[in-house]
């Protein structure tokens, strides 16, 4: 990352949507401990979780809590008044529930992102960073499809926002250790029964710690120029190695691949590689045809057939490393 990553967080008002979720909780913790913004707005739907967060952070006077839904553009505009930087993490992400309730997922993940973009432009927000997922690449389930749409909306939001002083970017990474819905707590719970369920023994997945995901998003928000998708270099792990790490000695029951589930996840596809640069610790996917001015990134071009997938990764987690990450 260049010197451009220096950013005055202490003089900025920051907002996070989905602020009481896994990302939001860790984001608020890190922001308060390390960056100390002038004001930190938590936007979410659950008043109980907001109350619990308020108590957890001892009613810090930098915090502002807004009840609201990203489906409600008017409420977003009210919450964004005077805000400089928005991190958009609100989403419906449980794959089976998105499959069963497809339009609800579209309302939140797609239309909600559109509302965030429109409200940010109209309120003069300077930077918006959308949080995405590896499931947005070559999606085969509705959740991934909605996140792909959200990425496209965020990148193209620069068409309208950039001339008005609002820029948009995306961070995209893999499975988060310790997040809600992670398979790791499931394996730990199943360990007590002596039997662990696995959908397919050949699966691989990318893994990143929650703290690393938050720090990466903050760093990229500081360095963004408008329209990039930032992808960190993170390790993979084979599902059977994960089982042996989290539930050693247990019997493994194969239950079959679930609808919308891949054997391997992809963070950069072959088609994206043509517009991607490799940096020391990340990849930067440039917009395909930006009509706005974007400063050129310096990095190494990728080969046309490059694919950053969990099975082709050069970095692999050992059991010991996974335990360290999970405990951290």
C-alpha atoms as a PDB file:
ATOM      1  CA  UNK A   1       0.000   0.000   0.000  1.00  0.00           C
ATOM      2  CA  UNK A   2       1.284   3.459  -0.818  1.00  0.00           C
ATOM      3  CA  UNK A   3       1.727   6.490   1.421  1.00  0.00           C
ATOM      4  CA  UNK A   4      -1.680   7.524   0.204  1.00  0.00           C
ATOM      5  CA  UNK A   5      -3.093   5.127   2.843  1.00  0.00           C
ATOM      6  CA  UNK A   6      -2.432   7.808   5.472  1.00  0.00           C
ATOM      7  CA  UNK A   7      -5.834   9.175   6.404  1.00  0.00           C
ATOM      8  CA  UNK A   8      -7.134  11.467   9.117  1.00  0.00           C
ATOM      9  CA  UNK A   9      -9.572   9.173  10.890  1.00  0.00           C
ATOM     10  CA  UNK A  10      -9.522  11.316  14.038  1.00  0.00           C
ATOM     11  CA  UNK A  11     -11.018  14.217  12.105  1.00  0.00           C
ATOM     12  CA  UNK A  12     -13.641  12.104  10.325  1.00  0.00           C
ATOM     13  CA  UNK A  13     -17.191  11.050  11.051  1.00  0.00           C
ATOM     14  CA  UNK A  14     -17.581   7.346  10.256  1.00  0.00           C
ATOM     15  CA  UNK A  15     -20.683   5.170   9.831  1.00  0.00           C
ATOM     16  CA  UNK A  16     -21.121   1.408   9.559  1.00  0.00           C
ATOM     17  CA  UNK A  17     -24.285  -0.286   8.275  1.00  0.00           C
ATOM     18  CA  UNK A  18     -25.014  -3.660   9.781  1.00  0.00           C
ATOM     19  CA  UNK A  19     -23.223  -2.178  12.747  1.00  0.00           C
ATOM     20  CA  UNK A  20     -24.303  -4.784  15.299  1.00  0.00           C
ATOM     21  CA  UNK A  21     -23.282  -7.809  13.188  1.00  0.00           C
ATOM     22  CA  UNK A  22     -19.980  -9.692  13.369  1.00  0.00           C
ATOM     23  CA  UNK A  23     -18.107  -7.184  11.203  1.00  0.00           C
ATOM     24  CA  UNK A  24     -19.772  -4.201  12.847  1.00  0.00           C
ATOM     25  CA  UNK A  25     -18.917  -5.236  16.399  1.00  0.00           C
ATOM     26  CA  UNK A  26     -15.260  -5.793  15.625  1.00  0.00           C
ATOM     27  CA  UNK A  27     -15.165  -2.665  13.458  1.00  0.00           C
ATOM     28  CA  UNK A  28     -16.470  -0.491  16.295  1.00  0.00           C
ATOM     29  CA  UNK A  29     -14.009  -2.056  18.739  1.00  0.00           C
ATOM     30  CA  UNK A  30     -11.017  -1.403  16.470  1.00  0.00           C
ATOM     31  CA  UNK A  31     -12.190   2.070  15.483  1.00  0.00           C
ATOM     32  CA  UNK A  32     -12.547   3.162  19.104  1.00  0.00           C
ATOM     33  CA  UNK A  33      -9.280   1.598  20.256  1.00  0.00           C
ATOM     34  CA  UNK A  34      -7.015   2.524  17.362  1.00  0.00           C
ATOM     35  CA  UNK A  35      -8.456   5.241  15.143  1.00  0.00           C
ATOM     36  CA  UNK A  36     -10.727   7.303  17.432  1.00  0.00           C
ATOM     37  CA  UNK A  37     -12.899   9.042  14.800  1.00  0.00           C
ATOM     38  CA  UNK A  38     -14.684  12.241  15.663  1.00  0.00           C
ATOM     39  CA  UNK A  39     -18.023  10.426  15.578  1.00  0.00           C
ATOM     40  CA  UNK A  40     -18.940   6.790  14.927  1.00  0.00           C
ATOM     41  CA  UNK A  41     -22.463   5.993  13.745  1.00  0.00           C
ATOM     42  CA  UNK A  42     -23.845   2.463  14.173  1.00  0.00           C
ATOM     43  CA  UNK A  43     -26.744   1.804  11.820  1.00  0.00           C
ATOM     44  CA  UNK A  44     -28.694  -1.434  12.320  1.00  0.00           C
ATOM     45  CA  UNK A  45     -32.179  -2.884  12.831  1.00  0.00           C
ATOM     46  CA  UNK A  46     -31.905  -4.520  16.267  1.00  0.00           C
ATOM     47  CA  UNK A  47     -32.449  -2.268  19.276  1.00  0.00           C
ATOM     48  CA  UNK A  48     -31.434  -4.990  21.755  1.00  0.00           C
ATOM     49  CA  UNK A  49     -28.075  -5.494  20.066  1.00  0.00           C
ATOM     50  CA  UNK A  50     -27.572  -1.736  19.969  1.00  0.00           C
ATOM     51  CA  UNK A  51     -28.325  -1.534  23.688  1.00  0.00           C
ATOM     52  CA  UNK A  52     -25.854  -4.340  24.401  1.00  0.00           C
ATOM     53  CA  UNK A  53     -23.207  -2.654  22.253  1.00  0.00           C
ATOM     54  CA  UNK A  54     -23.739   0.652  24.028  1.00  0.00           C
ATOM     55  CA  UNK A  55     -23.148  -1.043  27.382  1.00  0.00           C
ATOM     56  CA  UNK A  56     -20.148  -2.983  26.071  1.00  0.00           C
ATOM     57  CA  UNK A  57     -18.390   0.218  25.048  1.00  0.00           C
ATOM     58  CA  UNK A  58     -19.329   2.047  28.250  1.00  0.00           C
ATOM     59  CA  UNK A  59     -21.543   4.592  26.498  1.00  0.00           C
ATOM     60  CA  UNK A  60     -18.544   6.076  24.666  1.00  0.00           C
ATOM     61  CA  UNK A  61     -19.472   9.632  23.694  1.00  0.00           C
ATOM     62  CA  UNK A  62     -18.160   9.128  20.161  1.00  0.00           C
ATOM     63  CA  UNK A  63     -20.892   6.567  19.412  1.00  0.00           C
ATOM     64  CA  UNK A  64     -24.243   7.371  17.820  1.00  0.00           C
ATOM     65  CA  UNK A  65     -26.865   4.654  17.376  1.00  0.00           C
ATOM     66  CA  UNK A  66     -29.402   4.799  14.562  1.00  0.00           C
ATOM     67  CA  UNK A  67     -32.166   2.235  14.343  1.00  0.00           C
ATOM     68  CA  UNK A  68     -32.982   1.682  10.705  1.00  0.00           C
ATOM     69  CA  UNK A  69     -32.942  -0.627   7.715  1.00  0.00           C
ATOM     70  CA  UNK A  70     -30.904  -0.167   4.535  1.00  0.00           C
ATOM     71  CA  UNK A  71     -34.184  -0.720   2.697  1.00  0.00           C
ATOM     72  CA  UNK A  72     -35.242   2.729   4.002  1.00  0.00           C
ATOM     73  CA  UNK A  73     -33.391   5.389   2.027  1.00  0.00           C
ATOM     74  CA  UNK A  74     -34.841   8.298   4.010  1.00  0.00           C
ATOM     75  CA  UNK A  75     -33.514   6.852   7.243  1.00  0.00           C
ATOM     76  CA  UNK A  76     -30.114   6.302   5.662  1.00  0.00           C
ATOM     77  CA  UNK A  77     -29.992   9.936   4.569  1.00  0.00           C
ATOM     78  CA  UNK A  78     -30.774  11.079   8.092  1.00  0.00           C
ATOM     79  CA  UNK A  79     -28.074   8.832   9.546  1.00  0.00           C
ATOM     80  CA  UNK A  80     -25.466   9.934   6.975  1.00  0.00           C
ATOM     81  CA  UNK A  81     -25.865  13.646   7.637  1.00  0.00           C
ATOM     82  CA  UNK A  82     -22.365  14.980   8.316  1.00  0.00           C
ATOM     83  CA  UNK A  83     -20.713  11.579   7.764  1.00  0.00           C
ATOM     84  CA  UNK A  84     -17.397  11.394   5.880  1.00  0.00           C
ATOM     85  CA  UNK A  85     -16.847   7.645   5.457  1.00  0.00           C
ATOM     86  CA  UNK A  86     -19.364   4.774   5.281  1.00  0.00           C
ATOM     87  CA  UNK A  87     -18.587   1.070   5.624  1.00  0.00           C
ATOM     88  CA  UNK A  88     -21.494  -0.888   4.167  1.00  0.00           C
ATOM     89  CA  UNK A  89     -21.662  -4.289   5.879  1.00  0.00           C
ATOM     90  CA  UNK A  90     -25.439  -4.809   6.193  1.00  0.00           C
ATOM     91  CA  UNK A  91     -26.590  -7.954   4.395  1.00  0.00           C
ATOM     92  CA  UNK A  92     -28.670 -11.092   4.581  1.00  0.00           C
ATOM     93  CA  UNK A  93     -26.011 -13.794   4.243  1.00  0.00           C
ATOM     94  CA  UNK A  94     -27.385 -17.154   5.378  1.00  0.00           C
ATOM     95  CA  UNK A  95     -27.411 -19.085   2.100  1.00  0.00           C
ATOM     96  CA  UNK A  96     -30.401 -21.420   2.754  1.00  0.00           C
ATOM     97  CA  UNK A  97     -32.588 -18.544   3.965  1.00  0.00           C
ATOM     98  CA  UNK A  98     -31.646 -16.415   0.972  1.00  0.00           C
ATOM     99  CA  UNK A  99     -32.573 -19.325  -1.313  1.00  0.00           C
ATOM    100  CA  UNK A 100     -35.942 -19.765   0.391  1.00  0.00           C
ATOM    101  CA  UNK A 101     -36.654 -16.011   0.625  1.00  0.00           C
ATOM    102  CA  UNK A 102     -35.062 -14.717  -2.582  1.00  0.00           C
ATOM    103  CA  UNK A 103     -36.754 -11.353  -2.856  1.00  0.00           C
ATOM    104  CA  UNK A 104     -35.982 -10.530   0.780  1.00  0.00           C
ATOM    105  CA  UNK A 105     -32.300 -11.082  -0.010  1.00  0.00           C
ATOM    106  CA  UNK A 106     -32.610  -8.862  -3.085  1.00  0.00           C
ATOM    107  CA  UNK A 107     -34.389  -6.140  -1.095  1.00  0.00           C
ATOM    108  CA  UNK A 108     -31.585  -5.972   1.480  1.00  0.00           C
ATOM    109  CA  UNK A 109     -28.435  -6.907  -0.423  1.00  0.00           C
ATOM    110  CA  UNK A 110     -29.162  -5.257  -3.782  1.00  0.00           C
ATOM    111  CA  UNK A 111     -31.740  -2.531  -3.234  1.00  0.00           C
ATOM    112  CA  UNK A 112     -30.249  -1.760   0.172  1.00  0.00           C
ATOM    113  CA  UNK A 113     -26.870  -1.184  -1.465  1.00  0.00           C
ATOM    114  CA  UNK A 114     -28.486   1.097  -4.028  1.00  0.00           C
ATOM    115  CA  UNK A 115     -30.040   3.084  -1.185  1.00  0.00           C
ATOM    116  CA  UNK A 116     -26.670   3.394   0.557  1.00  0.00           C
ATOM    117  CA  UNK A 117     -25.102   4.678  -2.670  1.00  0.00           C
ATOM    118  CA  UNK A 118     -27.875   7.202  -3.378  1.00  0.00           C
ATOM    119  CA  UNK A 119     -27.970   8.464   0.210  1.00  0.00           C
ATOM    120  CA  UNK A 120     -24.185   8.797   0.361  1.00  0.00           C
ATOM    121  CA  UNK A 121     -24.048  10.866  -2.809  1.00  0.00           C
ATOM    122  CA  UNK A 122     -26.922  13.117  -1.766  1.00  0.00           C
ATOM    123  CA  UNK A 123     -25.456  13.643   1.732  1.00  0.00           C
ATOM    124  CA  UNK A 124     -21.955  14.409   0.473  1.00  0.00           C
ATOM    125  CA  UNK A 125     -20.209  11.398   2.022  1.00  0.00           C
ATOM    126  CA  UNK A 126     -16.610  11.316   0.799  1.00  0.00           C
ATOM    127  CA  UNK A 127     -15.905   7.566   0.764  1.00  0.00           C
ATOM    128  CA  UNK A 128     -18.008   4.396   0.821  1.00  0.00           C
ATOM    129  CA  UNK A 129     -16.476   0.944   1.232  1.00  0.00           C
ATOM    130  CA  UNK A 130     -18.751  -2.048   0.570  1.00  0.00           C
ATOM    131  CA  UNK A 131     -17.960  -5.373   2.231  1.00  0.00           C
ATOM    132  CA  UNK A 132     -18.254  -8.328  -0.161  1.00  0.00           C
ATOM    133  CA  UNK A 133     -17.468 -12.043  -0.242  1.00  0.00           C
ATOM    134  CA  UNK A 134     -15.778 -14.723  -2.327  1.00  0.00           C
ATOM    135  CA  UNK A 135     -19.263 -16.054  -3.053  1.00  0.00           C
ATOM    136  CA  UNK A 136     -19.818 -13.073  -5.370  1.00  0.00           C
ATOM    137  CA  UNK A 137     -17.340 -14.570  -7.865  1.00  0.00           C
ATOM    138  CA  UNK A 138     -18.997 -16.924 -10.363  1.00  0.00           C
ATOM    139  CA  UNK A 139     -21.987 -17.206  -8.013  1.00  0.00           C
ATOM    140  CA  UNK A 140     -24.106 -20.345  -7.905  1.00  0.00           C
ATOM    141  CA  UNK A 141     -26.420 -19.316  -5.051  1.00  0.00           C
ATOM    142  CA  UNK A 142     -28.677 -16.319  -4.587  1.00  0.00           C
ATOM    143  CA  UNK A 143     -26.596 -14.828  -1.802  1.00  0.00           C
ATOM    144  CA  UNK A 144     -23.547 -14.756  -4.068  1.00  0.00           C
ATOM    145  CA  UNK A 145     -25.622 -13.333  -6.923  1.00  0.00           C
ATOM    146  CA  UNK A 146     -26.920 -10.494  -4.747  1.00  0.00           C
ATOM    147  CA  UNK A 147     -23.407  -9.685  -3.557  1.00  0.00           C
ATOM    148  CA  UNK A 148     -22.188  -9.650  -7.165  1.00  0.00           C
ATOM    149  CA  UNK A 149     -24.942  -7.145  -7.957  1.00  0.00           C
ATOM    150  CA  UNK A 150     -23.957  -5.118  -4.889  1.00  0.00           C
ATOM    151  CA  UNK A 151     -20.340  -5.041  -6.093  1.00  0.00           C
ATOM    152  CA  UNK A 152     -21.406  -3.849  -9.543  1.00  0.00           C
ATOM    153  CA  UNK A 153     -23.583  -1.141  -8.008  1.00  0.00           C
ATOM    154  CA  UNK A 154     -20.769   0.059  -5.755  1.00  0.00           C
ATOM    155  CA  UNK A 155     -18.204   0.204  -8.566  1.00  0.00           C
ATOM    156  CA  UNK A 156     -20.556   1.974 -10.954  1.00  0.00           C
ATOM    157  CA  UNK A 157     -21.703   4.303  -8.190  1.00  0.00           C
ATOM    158  CA  UNK A 158     -18.565   6.255  -9.042  1.00  0.00           C
ATOM    159  CA  UNK A 159     -20.205   7.370 -12.305  1.00  0.00           C
ATOM    160  CA  UNK A 160     -22.543   9.563 -10.272  1.00  0.00           C
ATOM    161  CA  UNK A 161     -20.529  10.002  -7.095  1.00  0.00           C
ATOM    162  CA  UNK A 162     -17.025  10.781  -8.308  1.00  0.00           C
ATOM    163  CA  UNK A 163     -17.920  14.115  -9.980  1.00  0.00           C
ATOM    164  CA  UNK A 164     -19.690  15.118  -6.750  1.00  0.00           C
ATOM    165  CA  UNK A 165     -16.825  14.148  -4.447  1.00  0.00           C
ATOM    166  CA  UNK A 166     -18.106  10.703  -3.356  1.00  0.00           C
ATOM    167  CA  UNK A 167     -16.046   7.630  -4.250  1.00  0.00           C
ATOM    168  CA  UNK A 168     -16.951   3.962  -3.827  1.00  0.00           C
ATOM    169  CA  UNK A 169     -14.892   0.800  -3.472  1.00  0.00           C
ATOM    170  CA  UNK A 170     -15.267  -2.848  -2.481  1.00  0.00           C
ATOM    171  CA  UNK A 171     -13.321  -5.260  -0.299  1.00  0.00           C
ATOM    172  CA  UNK A 172     -13.831  -8.933  -1.056  1.00  0.00           C
ATOM    173  CA  UNK A 173     -12.517 -11.746   1.129  1.00  0.00           C
ATOM    174  CA  UNK A 174     -13.259 -15.324   2.205  1.00  0.00           C
ATOM    175  CA  UNK A 175     -14.722 -17.122   5.193  1.00  0.00           C
ATOM    176  CA  UNK A 176     -14.305 -15.250   8.458  1.00  0.00           C
ATOM    177  CA  UNK A 177     -13.157 -17.188  11.502  1.00  0.00           C
ATOM    178  CA  UNK A 178     -15.570 -16.552  14.359  1.00  0.00           C
ATOM    179  CA  UNK A 179     -18.321 -14.874  12.344  1.00  0.00           C
ATOM    180  CA  UNK A 180     -21.951 -15.867  12.724  1.00  0.00           C
ATOM    181  CA  UNK A 181     -22.723 -18.899  10.567  1.00  0.00           C
ATOM    182  CA  UNK A 182     -19.119 -20.090  10.438  1.00  0.00           C
ATOM    183  CA  UNK A 183     -18.604 -23.858  10.260  1.00  0.00           C
ATOM    184  CA  UNK A 184     -15.962 -23.750  13.018  1.00  0.00           C
ATOM    185  CA  UNK A 185     -18.436 -23.349  15.931  1.00  0.00           C
ATOM    186  CA  UNK A 186     -20.503 -26.141  14.359  1.00  0.00           C
ATOM    187  CA  UNK A 187     -17.555 -28.534  14.355  1.00  0.00           C
ATOM    188  CA  UNK A 188     -16.685 -27.554  17.922  1.00  0.00           C
ATOM    189  CA  UNK A 189     -20.253 -28.239  19.047  1.00  0.00           C
ATOM    190  CA  UNK A 190     -20.431 -31.550  17.169  1.00  0.00           C
ATOM    191  CA  UNK A 191     -17.201 -32.686  18.775  1.00  0.00           C
ATOM    192  CA  UNK A 192     -19.108 -33.461  21.972  1.00  0.00           C
ATOM    193  CA  UNK A 193     -21.270 -35.981  20.081  1.00  0.00           C
ATOM    194  CA  UNK A 194     -18.315 -37.802  18.559  1.00  0.00           C
ATOM    195  CA  UNK A 195     -19.628 -37.300  15.006  1.00  0.00           C
ATOM    196  CA  UNK A 196     -18.934 -34.398  12.649  1.00  0.00           C
ATOM    197  CA  UNK A 197     -20.982 -33.772   9.499  1.00  0.00           C
ATOM    198  CA  UNK A 198     -19.167 -32.774   6.303  1.00  0.00           C
ATOM    199  CA  UNK A 199     -20.913 -31.985   3.029  1.00  0.00           C
ATOM    200  CA  UNK A 200     -17.951 -33.071   0.860  1.00  0.00           C
ATOM    201  CA  UNK A 201     -14.488 -34.187   2.023  1.00  0.00           C
ATOM    202  CA  UNK A 202     -12.720 -32.565  -0.951  1.00  0.00           C
ATOM    203  CA  UNK A 203     -13.762 -28.999  -0.109  1.00  0.00           C
ATOM    204  CA  UNK A 204     -11.327 -26.152   0.439  1.00  0.00           C
ATOM    205  CA  UNK A 205     -11.990 -22.665   1.775  1.00  0.00           C
ATOM    206  CA  UNK A 206     -10.223 -19.324   2.200  1.00  0.00           C
ATOM    207  CA  UNK A 207      -9.958 -18.139   5.814  1.00  0.00           C
ATOM    208  CA  UNK A 208      -9.372 -14.760   7.437  1.00  0.00           C
ATOM    209  CA  UNK A 209      -9.627 -13.546  11.014  1.00  0.00           C
ATOM    210  CA  UNK A 210     -12.334 -10.998  11.739  1.00  0.00           C
ATOM    211  CA  UNK A 211      -9.766  -8.473  12.960  1.00  0.00           C
ATOM    212  CA  UNK A 212      -7.797  -8.886   9.738  1.00  0.00           C
ATOM    213  CA  UNK A 213     -10.913  -8.350   7.635  1.00  0.00           C
ATOM    214  CA  UNK A 214     -11.767  -5.147   9.485  1.00  0.00           C
ATOM    215  CA  UNK A 215      -8.213  -3.780   9.338  1.00  0.00           C
ATOM    216  CA  UNK A 216      -8.029  -4.592   5.640  1.00  0.00           C
ATOM    217  CA  UNK A 217     -11.285  -2.738   4.959  1.00  0.00           C
ATOM    218  CA  UNK A 218     -10.113   0.303   6.935  1.00  0.00           C
ATOM    219  CA  UNK A 219      -6.749   0.358   5.184  1.00  0.00           C
ATOM    220  CA  UNK A 220      -8.333   0.086   1.744  1.00  0.00           C
ATOM    221  CA  UNK A 221     -10.886   2.791   2.530  1.00  0.00           C
ATOM    222  CA  UNK A 222      -7.986   5.113   3.294  1.00  0.00           C
ATOM    223  CA  UNK A 223      -6.131   4.264   0.072  1.00  0.00           C
ATOM    224  CA  UNK A 224      -9.022   3.872  -2.408  1.00  0.00           C
ATOM    225  CA  UNK A 225      -9.179   6.032  -5.537  1.00  0.00           C
ATOM    226  CA  UNK A 226     -12.681   4.979  -6.654  1.00  0.00           C
ATOM    227  CA  UNK A 227     -14.001   1.824  -8.295  1.00  0.00           C
ATOM    228  CA  UNK A 228     -11.497  -0.779  -7.093  1.00  0.00           C
ATOM    229  CA  UNK A 229     -12.211  -4.210  -5.655  1.00  0.00           C
ATOM    230  CA  UNK A 230      -9.561  -5.033  -3.060  1.00  0.00           C
ATOM    231  CA  UNK A 231      -8.752  -8.700  -2.397  1.00  0.00           C
ATOM    232  CA  UNK A 232      -6.342  -9.691   0.392  1.00  0.00           C
ATOM    233  CA  UNK A 233      -3.881 -12.545   0.079  1.00  0.00           C
ATOM    234  CA  UNK A 234      -5.183 -15.059   2.613  1.00  0.00           C
ATOM    235  CA  UNK A 235      -4.569 -18.763   3.266  1.00  0.00           C
ATOM    236  CA  UNK A 236      -6.710 -21.771   2.414  1.00  0.00           C
ATOM    237  CA  UNK A 237      -7.486 -24.912   4.379  1.00  0.00           C
ATOM    238  CA  UNK A 238      -8.858 -28.308   3.408  1.00  0.00           C
ATOM    239  CA  UNK A 239     -12.122 -29.119   5.129  1.00  0.00           C
ATOM    240  CA  UNK A 240     -10.858 -32.478   6.415  1.00  0.00           C
ATOM    241  CA  UNK A 241      -7.821 -30.774   7.949  1.00  0.00           C
ATOM    242  CA  UNK A 242     -10.192 -28.351   9.634  1.00  0.00           C
ATOM    243  CA  UNK A 243     -12.284 -31.222  11.002  1.00  0.00           C
ATOM    244  CA  UNK A 244      -9.210 -32.954  12.413  1.00  0.00           C
ATOM    245  CA  UNK A 245      -8.122 -29.668  13.992  1.00  0.00           C
ATOM    246  CA  UNK A 246     -11.445 -28.742  15.572  1.00  0.00           C
ATOM    247  CA  UNK A 247     -12.782 -32.227  16.339  1.00  0.00           C
ATOM    248  CA  UNK A 248      -9.837 -34.643  16.435  1.00  0.00           C
ATOM    249  CA  UNK A 249     -10.677 -38.322  16.464  1.00  0.00           C
ATOM    250  CA  UNK A 250     -14.360 -37.839  15.654  1.00  0.00           C
ATOM    251  CA  UNK A 251     -16.248 -39.921  13.136  1.00  0.00           C
ATOM    252  CA  UNK A 252     -16.971 -38.026   9.921  1.00  0.00           C
ATOM    253  CA  UNK A 253     -20.397 -38.343   8.319  1.00  0.00           C
ATOM    254  CA  UNK A 254     -20.642 -37.149   4.709  1.00  0.00           C
ATOM    255  CA  UNK A 255     -24.082 -35.583   4.142  1.00  0.00           C
ATOM    256  CA  UNK A 256     -23.764 -34.319   0.572  1.00  0.00           C
ATOM    257  CA  UNK A 257     -23.181 -30.922  -0.991  1.00  0.00           C
ATOM    258  CA  UNK A 258     -25.919 -28.451  -0.101  1.00  0.00           C
ATOM    259  CA  UNK A 259     -27.744 -26.440  -2.777  1.00  0.00           C
ATOM    260  CA  UNK A 260     -25.657 -23.430  -3.742  1.00  0.00           C
ATOM    261  CA  UNK A 261     -22.456 -24.789  -2.202  1.00  0.00           C
ATOM    262  CA  UNK A 262     -19.138 -24.956  -4.099  1.00  0.00           C
ATOM    263  CA  UNK A 263     -16.274 -27.392  -3.624  1.00  0.00           C
ATOM    264  CA  UNK A 264     -13.800 -24.510  -3.877  1.00  0.00           C
ATOM    265  CA  UNK A 265     -14.266 -20.759  -3.533  1.00  0.00           C
ATOM    266  CA  UNK A 266     -12.840 -18.137  -5.888  1.00  0.00           C
ATOM    267  CA  UNK A 267     -11.678 -14.642  -4.990  1.00  0.00           C
ATOM    268  CA  UNK A 268     -10.509 -13.617  -8.474  1.00  0.00           C
ATOM    269  CA  UNK A 269     -11.745 -15.310 -11.637  1.00  0.00           C
ATOM    270  CA  UNK A 270      -9.821 -15.768 -14.894  1.00  0.00           C
ATOM    271  CA  UNK A 271     -11.992 -13.103 -16.509  1.00  0.00           C
ATOM    272  CA  UNK A 272     -11.136 -10.589 -13.764  1.00  0.00           C
ATOM    273  CA  UNK A 273      -7.414 -11.347 -13.911  1.00  0.00           C
ATOM    274  CA  UNK A 274      -7.042  -9.182 -17.039  1.00  0.00           C
ATOM    275  CA  UNK A 275      -7.902  -6.080 -15.032  1.00  0.00           C
ATOM    276  CA  UNK A 276      -6.136  -7.070 -11.804  1.00  0.00           C
ATOM    277  CA  UNK A 277      -2.790  -5.990 -10.381  1.00  0.00           C
ATOM    278  CA  UNK A 278      -0.860  -7.920  -7.741  1.00  0.00           C
ATOM    279  CA  UNK A 279       0.634  -5.989  -4.812  1.00  0.00           C
ATOM    280  CA  UNK A 280       2.685  -7.359  -1.927  1.00  0.00           C
ATOM    281  CA  UNK A 281      -0.237  -8.388   0.266  1.00  0.00           C
ATOM    282  CA  UNK A 282      -3.297  -7.963  -1.948  1.00  0.00           C
ATOM    283  CA  UNK A 283      -4.788  -7.828  -5.412  1.00  0.00           C
ATOM    284  CA  UNK A 284      -6.512  -4.739  -6.830  1.00  0.00           C
ATOM    285  CA  UNK A 285      -9.224  -5.315  -9.435  1.00  0.00           C
ATOM    286  CA  UNK A 286      -9.653  -2.149 -11.501  1.00  0.00           C
ATOM    287  CA  UNK A 287     -13.027  -1.140 -12.959  1.00  0.00           C
ATOM    288  CA  UNK A 288     -13.567  -2.407 -16.501  1.00  0.00           C
ATOM    289  CA  UNK A 289     -14.439   0.863 -18.219  1.00  0.00           C
ATOM    290  CA  UNK A 290     -14.423   3.764 -15.760  1.00  0.00           C
ATOM    291  CA  UNK A 291     -15.971   6.939 -17.099  1.00  0.00           C
ATOM    292  CA  UNK A 292     -14.566   8.761 -14.089  1.00  0.00           C
ATOM    293  CA  UNK A 293     -10.928   9.683 -13.450  1.00  0.00           C
ATOM    294  CA  UNK A 294      -9.026   7.021 -11.512  1.00  0.00           C
ATOM    295  CA  UNK A 295      -5.366   7.235 -10.529  1.00  0.00           C
ATOM    296  CA  UNK A 296      -3.367   4.283 -11.768  1.00  0.00           C
ATOM    297  CA  UNK A 297      -2.205   1.686  -9.246  1.00  0.00           C
ATOM    298  CA  UNK A 298       1.321   0.332  -9.465  1.00  0.00           C
ATOM    299  CA  UNK A 299       1.504  -3.439  -9.361  1.00  0.00           C
ATOM    300  CA  UNK A 300       2.312  -6.627 -11.230  1.00  0.00           C
ATOM    301  CA  UNK A 301      -0.126  -7.671 -13.993  1.00  0.00           C
ATOM    302  CA  UNK A 302      -1.495 -11.198 -13.732  1.00  0.00           C
ATOM    303  CA  UNK A 303      -1.343 -13.882 -16.396  1.00  0.00           C
ATOM    304  CA  UNK A 304      -4.553 -14.183 -18.486  1.00  0.00           C
ATOM    305  CA  UNK A 305      -5.351 -17.620 -17.066  1.00  0.00           C
ATOM    306  CA  UNK A 306      -4.756 -16.675 -13.422  1.00  0.00           C
ATOM    307  CA  UNK A 307      -7.440 -17.703 -10.948  1.00  0.00           C
ATOM    308  CA  UNK A 308      -7.226 -17.038  -7.228  1.00  0.00           C
ATOM    309  CA  UNK A 309      -9.163 -19.986  -5.854  1.00  0.00           C
ATOM    310  CA  UNK A 310      -9.007 -21.825  -2.555  1.00  0.00           C
ATOM    311  CA  UNK A 311      -7.712 -25.019  -4.166  1.00  0.00           C
ATOM    312  CA  UNK A 312      -4.987 -23.274  -6.225  1.00  0.00           C
ATOM    313  CA  UNK A 313      -3.741 -21.150  -3.359  1.00  0.00           C
ATOM    314  CA  UNK A 314      -0.034 -21.124  -2.531  1.00  0.00           C
ATOM    315  CA  UNK A 315      -0.670 -20.422   1.175  1.00  0.00           C
ATOM    316  CA  UNK A 316      -2.156 -23.209   3.320  1.00  0.00           C
ATOM    317  CA  UNK A 317      -3.067 -23.275   6.991  1.00  0.00           C
ATOM    318  CA  UNK A 318      -1.809 -25.993   9.272  1.00  0.00           C
ATOM    319  CA  UNK A 319      -3.932 -27.196  12.158  1.00  0.00           C
ATOM    320  CA  UNK A 320      -1.751 -25.314  14.615  1.00  0.00           C
ATOM    321  CA  UNK A 321      -2.058 -22.093  12.645  1.00  0.00           C
ATOM    322  CA  UNK A 322      -5.836 -22.429  12.483  1.00  0.00           C
ATOM    323  CA  UNK A 323      -6.037 -22.939  16.251  1.00  0.00           C
ATOM    324  CA  UNK A 324      -3.913 -19.834  16.765  1.00  0.00           C
ATOM    325  CA  UNK A 325      -6.183 -17.833  14.459  1.00  0.00           C
ATOM    326  CA  UNK A 326      -9.347 -19.159  16.074  1.00  0.00           C
ATOM    327  CA  UNK A 327      -8.073 -18.420  19.586  1.00  0.00           C
ATOM    328  CA  UNK A 328      -6.844 -14.984  18.582  1.00  0.00           C
END
